[in-house]
């Protein structure tokens, strides 16, 4: 099983980045996909999630209306479009897959992360 993130980098405040998460080794469309980032005192905090069926999305309040999560089940990939980036968005972003169908319920996979820096 692998989750490989890419797309991080340095961007100025107000700029945009698109993170990608390429998955392999499991049945992608059986899993909810999420992006996390560290938060002081909270460990990894959920940024955005998209469900395995129907593609319903949910966002942390701090990124609503700026970030968009999506998935392409044909490509076994998830994405996080980040717009209007702020310095406080600086973090390592981690891709996560959580099994939701009965056969894989409770399975939980993580990528190694991709760093995002927002600075002038």
C-alpha atoms as a PDB file:
ATOM      1  CA  UNK A   1       0.000   0.000   0.000  1.00  0.00           C
ATOM      2  CA  UNK A   2       1.289   3.439  -0.907  1.00  0.00           C
ATOM      3  CA  UNK A   3       0.035   6.980  -0.717  1.00  0.00           C
ATOM      4  CA  UNK A   4       2.397   9.426  -2.390  1.00  0.00           C
ATOM      5  CA  UNK A   5       1.779  13.139  -2.022  1.00  0.00           C
ATOM      6  CA  UNK A   6       3.154  15.777  -4.350  1.00  0.00           C
ATOM      7  CA  UNK A   7       2.592  19.396  -5.281  1.00  0.00           C
ATOM      8  CA  UNK A   8       3.822  21.133  -2.173  1.00  0.00           C
ATOM      9  CA  UNK A   9       6.238  24.026  -2.306  1.00  0.00           C
ATOM     10  CA  UNK A  10       6.763  27.702  -1.622  1.00  0.00           C
ATOM     11  CA  UNK A  11       4.040  30.168  -2.518  1.00  0.00           C
ATOM     12  CA  UNK A  12       3.348  33.796  -1.679  1.00  0.00           C
ATOM     13  CA  UNK A  13       0.361  34.771   0.454  1.00  0.00           C
ATOM     14  CA  UNK A  14      -2.741  34.833  -1.712  1.00  0.00           C
ATOM     15  CA  UNK A  15      -1.314  32.260  -4.067  1.00  0.00           C
ATOM     16  CA  UNK A  16      -2.469  28.763  -4.971  1.00  0.00           C
ATOM     17  CA  UNK A  17      -1.167  25.226  -4.909  1.00  0.00           C
ATOM     18  CA  UNK A  18      -2.660  21.906  -5.926  1.00  0.00           C
ATOM     19  CA  UNK A  19      -1.652  18.877  -3.908  1.00  0.00           C
ATOM     20  CA  UNK A  20      -1.967  15.382  -5.339  1.00  0.00           C
ATOM     21  CA  UNK A  21      -2.126  12.015  -3.618  1.00  0.00           C
ATOM     22  CA  UNK A  22      -1.515   8.956  -5.758  1.00  0.00           C
ATOM     23  CA  UNK A  23      -2.693   5.691  -4.230  1.00  0.00           C
ATOM     24  CA  UNK A  24      -1.749   2.112  -4.948  1.00  0.00           C
ATOM     25  CA  UNK A  25      -2.092  -1.297  -3.366  1.00  0.00           C
ATOM     26  CA  UNK A  26      -5.713  -1.067  -2.270  1.00  0.00           C
ATOM     27  CA  UNK A  27      -9.173  -0.630  -3.763  1.00  0.00           C
ATOM     28  CA  UNK A  28      -9.288   3.128  -3.899  1.00  0.00           C
ATOM     29  CA  UNK A  29     -13.021   3.598  -4.269  1.00  0.00           C
ATOM     30  CA  UNK A  30     -13.652   1.679  -1.035  1.00  0.00           C
ATOM     31  CA  UNK A  31     -11.947   4.409   0.971  1.00  0.00           C
ATOM     32  CA  UNK A  32     -12.721   7.916   2.140  1.00  0.00           C
ATOM     33  CA  UNK A  33      -9.812  10.217   1.306  1.00  0.00           C
ATOM     34  CA  UNK A  34      -8.663  13.072   3.479  1.00  0.00           C
ATOM     35  CA  UNK A  35      -5.939  15.648   3.904  1.00  0.00           C
ATOM     36  CA  UNK A  36      -4.485  16.452   7.327  1.00  0.00           C
ATOM     37  CA  UNK A  37      -1.935  18.894   8.658  1.00  0.00           C
ATOM     38  CA  UNK A  38      -0.357  19.268  12.091  1.00  0.00           C
ATOM     39  CA  UNK A  39      -1.966  21.643  14.561  1.00  0.00           C
ATOM     40  CA  UNK A  40      -0.423  22.788  17.866  1.00  0.00           C
ATOM     41  CA  UNK A  41      -1.609  20.544  20.637  1.00  0.00           C
ATOM     42  CA  UNK A  42      -3.787  18.470  18.306  1.00  0.00           C
ATOM     43  CA  UNK A  43      -1.421  16.268  16.413  1.00  0.00           C
ATOM     44  CA  UNK A  44      -2.661  15.934  12.855  1.00  0.00           C
ATOM     45  CA  UNK A  45      -5.838  17.885  12.254  1.00  0.00           C
ATOM     46  CA  UNK A  46      -8.334  17.115   9.524  1.00  0.00           C
ATOM     47  CA  UNK A  47      -8.275  19.708   6.742  1.00  0.00           C
ATOM     48  CA  UNK A  48     -10.699  18.165   4.261  1.00  0.00           C
ATOM     49  CA  UNK A  49     -12.314  14.848   3.482  1.00  0.00           C
ATOM     50  CA  UNK A  50     -14.210  13.321   0.559  1.00  0.00           C
ATOM     51  CA  UNK A  51     -16.318  10.201   0.897  1.00  0.00           C
ATOM     52  CA  UNK A  52     -15.906   7.005  -1.065  1.00  0.00           C
ATOM     53  CA  UNK A  53     -19.430   7.055  -2.462  1.00  0.00           C
ATOM     54  CA  UNK A  54     -21.040  10.172  -3.721  1.00  0.00           C
ATOM     55  CA  UNK A  55     -18.006  12.306  -3.065  1.00  0.00           C
ATOM     56  CA  UNK A  56     -19.474  14.302  -0.206  1.00  0.00           C
ATOM     57  CA  UNK A  57     -16.949  16.735   1.213  1.00  0.00           C
ATOM     58  CA  UNK A  58     -16.240  18.282   4.568  1.00  0.00           C
ATOM     59  CA  UNK A  59     -13.766  20.993   5.544  1.00  0.00           C
ATOM     60  CA  UNK A  60     -12.199  22.476   8.603  1.00  0.00           C
ATOM     61  CA  UNK A  61     -13.599  25.955   9.177  1.00  0.00           C
ATOM     62  CA  UNK A  62     -10.167  27.498   8.660  1.00  0.00           C
ATOM     63  CA  UNK A  63     -10.019  26.413   5.011  1.00  0.00           C
ATOM     64  CA  UNK A  64     -13.671  26.571   3.947  1.00  0.00           C
ATOM     65  CA  UNK A  65     -14.211  28.563   0.762  1.00  0.00           C
ATOM     66  CA  UNK A  66     -10.466  28.468   0.037  1.00  0.00           C
ATOM     67  CA  UNK A  67      -9.611  24.780  -0.318  1.00  0.00           C
ATOM     68  CA  UNK A  68     -11.336  22.158  -2.469  1.00  0.00           C
ATOM     69  CA  UNK A  69     -10.855  18.417  -2.134  1.00  0.00           C
ATOM     70  CA  UNK A  70     -11.578  16.117  -5.059  1.00  0.00           C
ATOM     71  CA  UNK A  71     -10.882  12.573  -6.193  1.00  0.00           C
ATOM     72  CA  UNK A  72     -10.507  10.688  -9.445  1.00  0.00           C
ATOM     73  CA  UNK A  73     -11.310   7.030  -8.861  1.00  0.00           C
ATOM     74  CA  UNK A  74     -10.155   6.113 -12.376  1.00  0.00           C
ATOM     75  CA  UNK A  75      -6.703   7.452 -11.561  1.00  0.00           C
ATOM     76  CA  UNK A  76      -6.655   6.330  -7.908  1.00  0.00           C
ATOM     77  CA  UNK A  77      -5.862   9.867  -6.893  1.00  0.00           C
ATOM     78  CA  UNK A  78      -7.068  12.570  -4.555  1.00  0.00           C
ATOM     79  CA  UNK A  79      -6.375  16.268  -4.788  1.00  0.00           C
ATOM     80  CA  UNK A  80      -6.438  19.370  -2.646  1.00  0.00           C
ATOM     81  CA  UNK A  81      -6.760  22.662  -4.477  1.00  0.00           C
ATOM     82  CA  UNK A  82      -5.595  25.408  -2.138  1.00  0.00           C
ATOM     83  CA  UNK A  83      -6.413  29.014  -3.028  1.00  0.00           C
ATOM     84  CA  UNK A  84      -5.922  32.284  -1.190  1.00  0.00           C
ATOM     85  CA  UNK A  85      -3.165  30.733   0.868  1.00  0.00           C
ATOM     86  CA  UNK A  86      -2.242  32.354   4.154  1.00  0.00           C
ATOM     87  CA  UNK A  87       0.983  32.145   6.176  1.00  0.00           C
ATOM     88  CA  UNK A  88      -0.880  30.076   8.766  1.00  0.00           C
ATOM     89  CA  UNK A  89      -1.507  27.399   6.111  1.00  0.00           C
ATOM     90  CA  UNK A  90       2.190  26.569   6.228  1.00  0.00           C
ATOM     91  CA  UNK A  91       2.473  22.902   7.181  1.00  0.00           C
ATOM     92  CA  UNK A  92       3.285  19.442   5.990  1.00  0.00           C
ATOM     93  CA  UNK A  93       0.115  18.076   4.383  1.00  0.00           C
ATOM     94  CA  UNK A  94      -0.611  14.379   4.745  1.00  0.00           C
ATOM     95  CA  UNK A  95      -2.887  12.244   2.622  1.00  0.00           C
ATOM     96  CA  UNK A  96      -5.025   9.669   4.423  1.00  0.00           C
ATOM     97  CA  UNK A  97      -7.207   6.795   3.281  1.00  0.00           C
ATOM     98  CA  UNK A  98      -9.811   5.248   5.592  1.00  0.00           C
ATOM     99  CA  UNK A  99     -11.619   2.065   4.661  1.00  0.00           C
ATOM    100  CA  UNK A 100     -15.419   2.398   4.674  1.00  0.00           C
ATOM    101  CA  UNK A 101     -16.848  -0.691   3.016  1.00  0.00           C
ATOM    102  CA  UNK A 102     -17.311  -3.666   5.405  1.00  0.00           C
ATOM    103  CA  UNK A 103     -14.361  -5.660   4.098  1.00  0.00           C
ATOM    104  CA  UNK A 104     -11.927  -2.817   4.696  1.00  0.00           C
ATOM    105  CA  UNK A 105     -13.614  -0.914   7.511  1.00  0.00           C
ATOM    106  CA  UNK A 106     -11.024   0.396   9.939  1.00  0.00           C
ATOM    107  CA  UNK A 107      -8.094   0.203   7.546  1.00  0.00           C
ATOM    108  CA  UNK A 108      -6.135   3.422   7.761  1.00  0.00           C
ATOM    109  CA  UNK A 109      -3.247   4.459   5.502  1.00  0.00           C
ATOM    110  CA  UNK A 110      -1.017   7.521   5.493  1.00  0.00           C
ATOM    111  CA  UNK A 111       1.366   9.144   3.090  1.00  0.00           C
ATOM    112  CA  UNK A 112       4.676  10.692   4.090  1.00  0.00           C
ATOM    113  CA  UNK A 113       3.515  14.236   3.514  1.00  0.00           C
ATOM    114  CA  UNK A 114       4.324  17.157   1.256  1.00  0.00           C
ATOM    115  CA  UNK A 115       5.474  20.500   2.698  1.00  0.00           C
ATOM    116  CA  UNK A 116       3.713  23.769   1.971  1.00  0.00           C
ATOM    117  CA  UNK A 117       5.328  27.104   2.818  1.00  0.00           C
ATOM    118  CA  UNK A 118       3.475  30.388   2.467  1.00  0.00           C
ATOM    119  CA  UNK A 119       5.816  33.345   2.628  1.00  0.00           C
ATOM    120  CA  UNK A 120       6.872  36.485   0.794  1.00  0.00           C
END
